[in-house]
Amino acid sequence: MKQHKSSRGQRLGLFHQVSDYAVALGFLVLITRATYPLLLALLGLVALLNAATTQGPVAAYRLVPHKIHSAIDMALVLGAVVAGCIGSQSTANRFSLFALALIQGFIIYLTRVTKHARL
């Protein structure tokens, strides 16, 4: 059965945006046990605003175009890796930050690959 491209794109956008909210929540939860919570608060706030203001199905405000959203997504991956490498923090926090970077990177990859795939 062949699916309509717009419904597939809507499901993909929904998955991406809900996952962005989950990553933002992950950053914000890590604040509670962080040695340096300001960096994680900044990453969590940027991730939350990025998910809530993009042009997507579950956005609170549809202000940010997809290209800017993608650039911010990449910056969040880099920020999570940098935050995991700097400072004296617990191994659990480092692992969690690297996991958030991996999750966000996989979401970006999956969105880009699936967008161009013929399913």
C-alpha atoms as a PDB file:
ATOM      1  CA  MET A   1       0.000   0.000   0.000  1.00  0.00           C
ATOM      2  CA  LYS A   2       1.434   3.354  -0.995  1.00  0.00           C
ATOM      3  CA  GLN A   3       1.235   6.141   1.555  1.00  0.00           C
ATOM      4  CA  HIS A   4       0.577   9.736   0.715  1.00  0.00           C
ATOM      5  CA  LYS A   5       3.752  11.842   1.069  1.00  0.00           C
ATOM      6  CA  SER A   6       2.100  14.591   3.093  1.00  0.00           C
ATOM      7  CA  SER A   7       0.855  12.185   5.773  1.00  0.00           C
ATOM      8  CA  ARG A   8       4.327  10.635   6.038  1.00  0.00           C
ATOM      9  CA  GLY A   9       5.849  14.103   6.308  1.00  0.00           C
ATOM     10  CA  GLN A  10       3.363  15.075   9.006  1.00  0.00           C
ATOM     11  CA  ARG A  11       4.157  11.958  11.043  1.00  0.00           C
ATOM     12  CA  LEU A  12       7.877  12.585  10.628  1.00  0.00           C
ATOM     13  CA  GLY A  13       7.470  16.211  11.732  1.00  0.00           C
ATOM     14  CA  LEU A  14       5.410  15.114  14.718  1.00  0.00           C
ATOM     15  CA  PHE A  15       8.020  12.515  15.721  1.00  0.00           C
ATOM     16  CA  HIS A  16      10.859  15.036  15.340  1.00  0.00           C
ATOM     17  CA  GLN A  17       9.131  17.720  17.359  1.00  0.00           C
ATOM     18  CA  VAL A  18       7.990  15.435  20.175  1.00  0.00           C
ATOM     19  CA  SER A  19      11.536  14.075  20.359  1.00  0.00           C
ATOM     20  CA  ASP A  20      12.861  17.635  20.564  1.00  0.00           C
ATOM     21  CA  TYR A  21      10.606  18.234  23.559  1.00  0.00           C
ATOM     22  CA  ALA A  22      11.917  15.023  25.169  1.00  0.00           C
ATOM     23  CA  VAL A  23      15.551  16.088  24.652  1.00  0.00           C
ATOM     24  CA  ALA A  24      14.767  19.513  26.147  1.00  0.00           C
ATOM     25  CA  LEU A  25      13.203  17.786  29.149  1.00  0.00           C
ATOM     26  CA  GLY A  26      16.336  15.636  29.459  1.00  0.00           C
ATOM     27  CA  PHE A  27      18.550  18.724  29.656  1.00  0.00           C
ATOM     28  CA  LEU A  28      16.278  20.300  32.243  1.00  0.00           C
ATOM     29  CA  VAL A  29      16.163  17.157  34.402  1.00  0.00           C
ATOM     30  CA  LEU A  30      19.971  17.009  34.458  1.00  0.00           C
ATOM     31  CA  ILE A  31      20.053  20.428  36.153  1.00  0.00           C
ATOM     32  CA  THR A  32      19.002  18.840  39.443  1.00  0.00           C
ATOM     33  CA  ARG A  33      22.227  16.856  39.798  1.00  0.00           C
ATOM     34  CA  ALA A  34      24.692  19.021  37.869  1.00  0.00           C
ATOM     35  CA  THR A  35      27.808  20.635  39.273  1.00  0.00           C
ATOM     36  CA  TYR A  36      27.406  23.547  36.844  1.00  0.00           C
ATOM     37  CA  PRO A  37      23.646  23.848  36.223  1.00  0.00           C
ATOM     38  CA  LEU A  38      23.789  27.130  34.258  1.00  0.00           C
ATOM     39  CA  LEU A  39      25.102  25.509  31.073  1.00  0.00           C
ATOM     40  CA  LEU A  40      22.467  22.770  31.229  1.00  0.00           C
ATOM     41  CA  ALA A  41      19.749  25.327  31.940  1.00  0.00           C
ATOM     42  CA  LEU A  42      20.844  27.277  28.871  1.00  0.00           C
ATOM     43  CA  LEU A  43      20.876  24.150  26.683  1.00  0.00           C
ATOM     44  CA  GLY A  44      17.472  23.078  28.020  1.00  0.00           C
ATOM     45  CA  LEU A  45      15.956  26.508  27.455  1.00  0.00           C
ATOM     46  CA  VAL A  46      17.314  26.718  23.894  1.00  0.00           C
ATOM     47  CA  ALA A  47      16.057  23.188  23.158  1.00  0.00           C
ATOM     48  CA  LEU A  48      12.613  23.964  24.581  1.00  0.00           C
ATOM     49  CA  LEU A  49      12.305  27.229  22.676  1.00  0.00           C
ATOM     50  CA  ASN A  50      13.526  25.506  19.513  1.00  0.00           C
ATOM     51  CA  ALA A  51      10.836  22.829  19.805  1.00  0.00           C
ATOM     52  CA  ALA A  52       8.084  25.260  20.764  1.00  0.00           C
ATOM     53  CA  THR A  53       8.711  27.909  18.095  1.00  0.00           C
ATOM     54  CA  THR A  54       9.408  25.897  14.959  1.00  0.00           C
ATOM     55  CA  GLN A  55       6.931  25.444  12.146  1.00  0.00           C
ATOM     56  CA  GLY A  56       5.678  22.048  13.249  1.00  0.00           C
ATOM     57  CA  PRO A  57       2.519  20.218  14.273  1.00  0.00           C
ATOM     58  CA  VAL A  58       2.869  20.609  18.065  1.00  0.00           C
ATOM     59  CA  ALA A  59       4.501  24.034  18.183  1.00  0.00           C
ATOM     60  CA  ALA A  60       3.222  26.677  20.541  1.00  0.00           C
ATOM     61  CA  TYR A  61       4.316  29.448  18.169  1.00  0.00           C
ATOM     62  CA  ARG A  62       5.192  28.812  14.541  1.00  0.00           C
ATOM     63  CA  LEU A  63       7.911  31.426  14.125  1.00  0.00           C
ATOM     64  CA  VAL A  64      11.176  29.676  13.241  1.00  0.00           C
ATOM     65  CA  PRO A  65      11.693  28.214   9.732  1.00  0.00           C
ATOM     66  CA  HIS A  66      12.982  24.649   9.355  1.00  0.00           C
ATOM     67  CA  LYS A  67      16.498  25.668   8.232  1.00  0.00           C
ATOM     68  CA  ILE A  68      17.088  27.691  11.393  1.00  0.00           C
ATOM     69  CA  HIS A  69      15.554  24.894  13.470  1.00  0.00           C
ATOM     70  CA  SER A  70      18.000  22.414  11.917  1.00  0.00           C
ATOM     71  CA  ALA A  71      20.970  24.683  12.663  1.00  0.00           C
ATOM     72  CA  ILE A  72      19.869  25.002  16.291  1.00  0.00           C
ATOM     73  CA  ASP A  73      19.463  21.206  16.481  1.00  0.00           C
ATOM     74  CA  MET A  74      23.076  20.770  15.353  1.00  0.00           C
ATOM     75  CA  ALA A  75      24.218  23.392  17.874  1.00  0.00           C
ATOM     76  CA  LEU A  76      22.417  21.453  20.621  1.00  0.00           C
ATOM     77  CA  VAL A  77      24.257  18.258  19.676  1.00  0.00           C
ATOM     78  CA  LEU A  78      27.566  20.110  19.806  1.00  0.00           C
ATOM     79  CA  GLY A  79      26.583  21.817  23.071  1.00  0.00           C
ATOM     80  CA  ALA A  80      25.704  18.502  24.709  1.00  0.00           C
ATOM     81  CA  VAL A  81      29.039  16.987  23.678  1.00  0.00           C
ATOM     82  CA  VAL A  82      30.975  20.024  24.927  1.00  0.00           C
ATOM     83  CA  ALA A  83      29.013  20.078  28.187  1.00  0.00           C
ATOM     84  CA  GLY A  84      29.782  16.382  28.655  1.00  0.00           C
ATOM     85  CA  CYS A  85      33.504  16.978  28.152  1.00  0.00           C
ATOM     86  CA  ILE A  86      34.076  20.010  30.363  1.00  0.00           C
ATOM     87  CA  GLY A  87      34.038  20.448  34.101  1.00  0.00           C
ATOM     88  CA  SER A  88      34.157  18.035  36.969  1.00  0.00           C
ATOM     89  CA  GLN A  89      30.845  16.241  36.864  1.00  0.00           C
ATOM     90  CA  SER A  90      29.648  12.785  37.630  1.00  0.00           C
ATOM     91  CA  THR A  91      29.961   9.934  35.190  1.00  0.00           C
ATOM     92  CA  ALA A  92      26.177   9.628  35.101  1.00  0.00           C
ATOM     93  CA  ASN A  93      25.834  13.245  33.967  1.00  0.00           C
ATOM     94  CA  ARG A  94      28.501  12.799  31.291  1.00  0.00           C
ATOM     95  CA  PHE A  95      26.813   9.638  30.040  1.00  0.00           C
ATOM     96  CA  SER A  96      23.420  11.370  30.038  1.00  0.00           C
ATOM     97  CA  LEU A  97      24.744  14.345  28.070  1.00  0.00           C
ATOM     98  CA  PHE A  98      26.394  12.099  25.494  1.00  0.00           C
ATOM     99  CA  ALA A  99      23.158  10.089  25.268  1.00  0.00           C
ATOM    100  CA  LEU A 100      21.157  13.278  24.662  1.00  0.00           C
ATOM    101  CA  ALA A 101      23.630  14.285  21.944  1.00  0.00           C
ATOM    102  CA  LEU A 102      23.298  10.843  20.362  1.00  0.00           C
ATOM    103  CA  ILE A 103      19.499  10.943  20.508  1.00  0.00           C
ATOM    104  CA  GLN A 104      19.324  14.432  19.008  1.00  0.00           C
ATOM    105  CA  GLY A 105      21.842  13.474  16.316  1.00  0.00           C
ATOM    106  CA  PHE A 106      19.851  10.359  15.454  1.00  0.00           C
ATOM    107  CA  ILE A 107      16.652  12.403  15.197  1.00  0.00           C
ATOM    108  CA  ILE A 108      18.372  14.813  12.803  1.00  0.00           C
ATOM    109  CA  TYR A 109      19.784  11.936  10.739  1.00  0.00           C
ATOM    110  CA  LEU A 110      16.489  10.054  10.621  1.00  0.00           C
ATOM    111  CA  THR A 111      14.599  13.163   9.553  1.00  0.00           C
ATOM    112  CA  ARG A 112      17.027  13.937   6.749  1.00  0.00           C
ATOM    113  CA  VAL A 113      17.236  10.364   5.441  1.00  0.00           C
ATOM    114  CA  THR A 114      13.510   9.627   5.664  1.00  0.00           C
ATOM    115  CA  LYS A 115      12.583  12.914   4.020  1.00  0.00           C
ATOM    116  CA  HIS A 116      14.361  11.826   0.817  1.00  0.00           C
ATOM    117  CA  ALA A 117      13.551   8.107   0.955  1.00  0.00           C
ATOM    118  CA  ARG A 118      10.914   6.498  -1.224  1.00  0.00           C
ATOM    119  CA  LEU A 119       8.844   4.509   1.230  1.00  0.00           C
END
